[in-house]
């Protein structure tokens, strides 16, 4: 076992030396990536050291346990490092009723989606004509509004002209009434003077 570990370490060192000699740029990139990974692992360990402590504690307890059972230290380390117990995870059996329900739900969902798709396609097929008609109707109504505004402007101008004519007619009527009243008054005065003169003569 010690020879195998020594051979593996020697082989890894030779591989690193050859890689550094032949391809220094790629070796530097790999070294930077490994350094970054190590820093991230160390930061994760500092943030949550509990799993690492549990692993080391379990490893140490396993070594002590096998040492107390009479094995040598190297055998205890080897057993602690290589023994792995695989715990089977029970996989729940699929419920046939649940599968039937899921298939029914999937079919219902597919049917609803197909119906929605068909309805939307029919609606979209009719929309261009409706949009064209709405645009025409909007143009007609805008023209009608423009015509109504022009007619309103003309009507306001006509109303203003008629109001001005009415005001002028009222002023003329008032002047004529005053002139009539003054004339009648003057005629009455003349008639009274003529009567006085007739009596004298």
Protein backbone atom coordinates (compact mmCIF):
# COMPACT_ATOMS: atom_id res chain seq x y z
CA UNK A 1 0.00 0.00 0.00
CA UNK A 2 2.82 2.42 0.87
CA UNK A 3 4.60 1.58 -2.36
CA UNK A 4 1.41 2.22 -4.32
CA UNK A 5 0.92 5.62 -2.64
CA UNK A 6 4.55 6.56 -3.25
CA UNK A 7 4.30 5.47 -6.88
CA UNK A 8 1.09 7.50 -7.34
CA UNK A 9 2.70 10.61 -5.79
CA UNK A 10 5.80 10.18 -7.97
CA UNK A 11 3.68 9.71 -11.10
CA UNK A 12 1.56 12.80 -10.29
CA UNK A 13 4.71 14.89 -9.75
CA UNK A 14 6.19 13.72 -13.05
CA UNK A 15 2.96 14.52 -14.87
CA UNK A 16 2.88 18.03 -13.39
CA UNK A 17 6.53 18.62 -14.32
CA UNK A 18 6.02 17.45 -17.91
CA UNK A 19 2.87 19.56 -18.29
CA UNK A 20 4.62 22.64 -16.90
CA UNK A 21 7.60 22.14 -19.20
CA UNK A 22 5.73 21.45 -22.45
CA UNK A 23 2.65 23.71 -22.06
CA UNK A 24 3.29 26.45 -19.51
CA UNK A 25 0.32 28.62 -20.55
CA UNK A 26 -2.21 25.80 -20.24
CA UNK A 27 -0.58 24.68 -17.01
CA UNK A 28 -0.93 28.23 -15.64
CA UNK A 29 -4.63 28.31 -16.62
CA UNK A 30 -5.21 24.92 -14.97
CA UNK A 31 -3.33 26.06 -11.87
CA UNK A 32 -5.42 29.26 -11.70
CA UNK A 33 -8.62 27.24 -12.07
CA UNK A 34 -7.50 24.82 -9.35
CA UNK A 35 -6.55 27.73 -7.09
CA UNK A 36 -9.96 29.34 -7.62
CA UNK A 37 -11.72 26.04 -6.88
CA UNK A 38 -9.65 25.58 -3.73
CA UNK A 39 -10.44 29.13 -2.58
CA UNK A 40 -14.16 28.58 -3.18
CA UNK A 41 -14.03 25.27 -1.28
CA UNK A 42 -12.19 26.94 1.60
CA UNK A 43 -14.72 29.79 1.66
CA UNK A 44 -17.58 27.26 1.70
CA UNK A 45 -15.86 25.39 4.54
CA UNK A 46 -15.42 28.61 6.51
CA UNK A 47 -19.05 29.52 5.95
CA UNK A 48 -20.34 26.08 7.02
CA UNK A 49 -17.64 23.96 8.74
CA UNK A 50 -20.06 21.43 10.26
CA UNK A 51 -19.97 18.80 7.44
CA UNK A 52 -16.16 18.86 7.32
CA UNK A 53 -15.90 18.53 11.11
CA UNK A 54 -18.38 15.65 11.08
CA UNK A 55 -16.39 13.90 8.33
CA UNK A 56 -13.08 14.28 10.16
CA UNK A 57 -14.70 13.27 13.46
CA UNK A 58 -16.20 10.15 11.88
CA UNK A 59 -12.84 9.32 10.27
CA UNK A 60 -11.01 9.73 13.59
CA UNK A 61 -13.60 7.68 15.55
CA UNK A 62 -13.37 4.91 12.94
CA UNK A 63 -9.57 4.83 13.31
CA UNK A 64 -9.83 4.67 17.11
CA UNK A 65 -12.50 1.95 16.91
CA UNK A 66 -10.40 -0.33 14.67
CA UNK A 67 -7.27 0.40 16.72
CA UNK A 68 -9.12 -0.75 19.86
CA UNK A 69 -10.15 -3.92 18.01
CA UNK A 70 -6.47 -4.84 17.67
CA UNK A 71 -5.59 -3.62 14.19
CA UNK A 72 -2.46 -1.63 13.51
CA UNK A 73 -2.62 2.12 12.92
CA UNK A 74 -2.01 1.80 9.16
CA UNK A 75 -4.72 -0.89 8.87
CA UNK A 76 -7.14 1.26 10.86
CA UNK A 77 -6.45 4.26 8.58
CA UNK A 78 -6.87 2.10 5.49
CA UNK A 79 -10.18 0.70 6.71
CA UNK A 80 -11.44 4.17 7.71
CA UNK A 81 -10.41 5.64 4.35
CA UNK A 82 -11.74 2.87 2.11
CA UNK A 83 -14.83 1.52 3.85
CA UNK A 84 -17.98 3.04 2.40
CA UNK A 85 -21.42 1.86 3.33
CA UNK A 86 -24.00 2.40 0.65
CA UNK A 87 -27.44 2.92 2.13
CA UNK A 88 -30.15 1.98 -0.34
CA UNK A 89 -32.81 4.64 -0.66
CA UNK A 90 -36.27 3.16 -0.94
CA UNK A 91 -37.97 4.26 -4.12
CA UNK A 92 -41.72 4.53 -3.71
CA UNK A 93 -43.63 2.37 -6.13
CA UNK A 94 -45.71 4.36 -8.56
CA UNK A 95 -49.35 4.57 -7.61
CA UNK A 96 -51.40 3.26 -10.57
CA UNK A 97 -54.36 5.41 -9.57
CA UNK A 98 -52.14 8.48 -9.43
CA UNK A 99 -50.81 7.66 -12.92
CA UNK A 100 -54.36 7.37 -14.23
CA UNK A 101 -55.26 10.70 -12.69
CA UNK A 102 -52.14 12.31 -14.16
CA UNK A 103 -52.92 10.93 -17.61
CA UNK A 104 -56.50 12.17 -17.35
CA UNK A 105 -55.32 15.60 -16.25
CA UNK A 106 -52.81 15.68 -19.10
CA UNK A 107 -55.53 14.72 -21.62
CA UNK A 108 -57.91 17.35 -20.22
CA UNK A 109 -55.19 19.98 -20.32
CA UNK A 110 -54.29 19.04 -23.91
CA UNK A 111 -57.95 19.15 -24.96
CA UNK A 112 -58.40 22.58 -23.34
CA UNK A 113 -55.23 23.90 -24.94
CA UNK A 114 -56.32 22.64 -28.36
CA UNK A 115 -59.74 24.27 -27.91
CA UNK A 116 -58.10 27.54 -26.86
CA UNK A 117 -55.73 27.34 -29.82
CA UNK A 118 -58.61 26.69 -32.24
CA UNK A 119 -60.64 29.58 -30.79
CA UNK A 120 -57.69 31.96 -30.96
CA UNK A 121 -56.89 30.96 -34.54
CA UNK A 122 -60.51 31.59 -35.59
CA UNK A 123 -60.58 34.90 -33.78
CA UNK A 124 -57.26 36.01 -35.28
CA UNK A 125 -58.47 34.97 -38.73
CA UNK A 126 -61.41 37.39 -38.43
CA UNK A 127 -59.50 40.24 -36.80
CA UNK A 128 -57.84 41.77 -39.91
CA UNK A 129 -61.26 42.44 -41.55
CA UNK A 130 -62.63 43.84 -38.30
CA UNK A 131 -59.55 46.06 -37.91
CA UNK A 132 -60.00 47.31 -41.49
CA UNK A 133 -63.68 48.08 -40.88
CA UNK A 134 -62.87 49.82 -37.61
CA UNK A 135 -60.24 51.94 -39.39
CA UNK A 136 -62.78 52.92 -42.07
CA UNK A 137 -65.36 53.73 -39.41
CA UNK A 138 -62.79 55.83 -37.57
CA UNK A 139 -62.03 57.75 -40.79
CA UNK A 140 -65.76 58.34 -41.42
CA UNK A 141 -66.38 59.53 -37.88
CA UNK A 142 -63.33 61.82 -38.01
CA UNK A 143 -64.65 63.32 -41.25
CA UNK A 144 -68.08 63.73 -39.68
CA UNK A 145 -66.52 65.50 -36.69
CA UNK A 146 -64.59 67.79 -39.05
CA UNK A 147 -67.77 68.57 -41.03
CA UNK A 148 -69.70 69.23 -37.83
CA UNK A 149 -66.96 71.55 -36.56
CA UNK A 150 -67.01 73.47 -39.87
CA UNK A 151 -70.80 73.67 -39.80
CA UNK A 152 -70.66 74.84 -36.19
CA UNK A 153 -68.12 77.52 -37.12
CA UNK A 154 -70.33 78.73 -39.97
CA UNK A 155 -73.40 78.66 -37.73
CA UNK A 156 -71.53 80.67 -35.08
CA UNK A 157 -70.47 83.20 -37.72
CA UNK A 158 -74.07 83.40 -39.05
CA UNK A 159 -75.40 83.77 -35.51
CA UNK A 160 -72.91 86.54 -34.77
CA UNK A 161 -73.93 88.35 -38.00
CA UNK A 162 -77.63 88.02 -37.19
CA UNK A 163 -77.07 89.18 -33.62
CA UNK A 164 -75.18 92.23 -34.94
CA UNK A 165 -78.01 92.96 -37.45
CA UNK A 166 -80.61 92.60 -34.68
CA UNK A 167 -78.66 94.96 -32.45
CA UNK A 168 -78.37 97.52 -35.28
CA UNK A 169 -82.10 97.20 -36.02
CA UNK A 170 -82.94 97.74 -32.33
CA UNK A 171 -80.76 100.87 -32.22
CA UNK A 172 -82.37 102.18 -35.42
CA UNK A 173 -85.83 101.48 -34.01
CA UNK A 174 -85.00 103.30 -30.81
CA UNK A 175 -83.67 106.32 -32.75
CA UNK A 176 -86.78 106.40 -34.97
CA UNK A 177 -89.11 106.13 -31.96
CA UNK A 178 -87.32 109.02 -30.28
CA UNK A 179 -87.52 111.02 -33.52
CA UNK A 180 -91.24 110.21 -33.84
CA UNK A 181 -91.92 111.23 -30.26
CA UNK A 182 -89.95 114.47 -30.70
CA UNK A 183 -91.76 115.22 -33.98
CA UNK A 184 -95.19 114.60 -32.48
CA UNK A 185 -94.33 116.78 -29.51
CA UNK A 186 -93.10 119.55 -31.80
CA UNK A 187 -96.27 119.32 -33.95
CA UNK A 188 -98.43 119.57 -30.86
CA UNK A 189 -96.53 122.66 -29.77
CA UNK A 190 -96.87 124.20 -33.24
CA UNK A 191 -100.57 123.44 -33.30
CA UNK A 192 -101.03 125.10 -29.87
CA UNK A 193 -99.14 128.21 -31.02
CA UNK A 194 -101.20 128.43 -34.24
CA UNK A 195 -104.39 128.19 -32.21
CA UNK A 196 -103.21 131.04 -29.97
CA UNK A 197 -102.36 133.16 -33.00
CA UNK A 198 -105.72 132.41 -34.61
CA UNK A 199 -107.51 133.67 -31.51
CA UNK A 200 -105.50 136.89 -31.57
CA UNK A 201 -106.10 137.60 -35.25
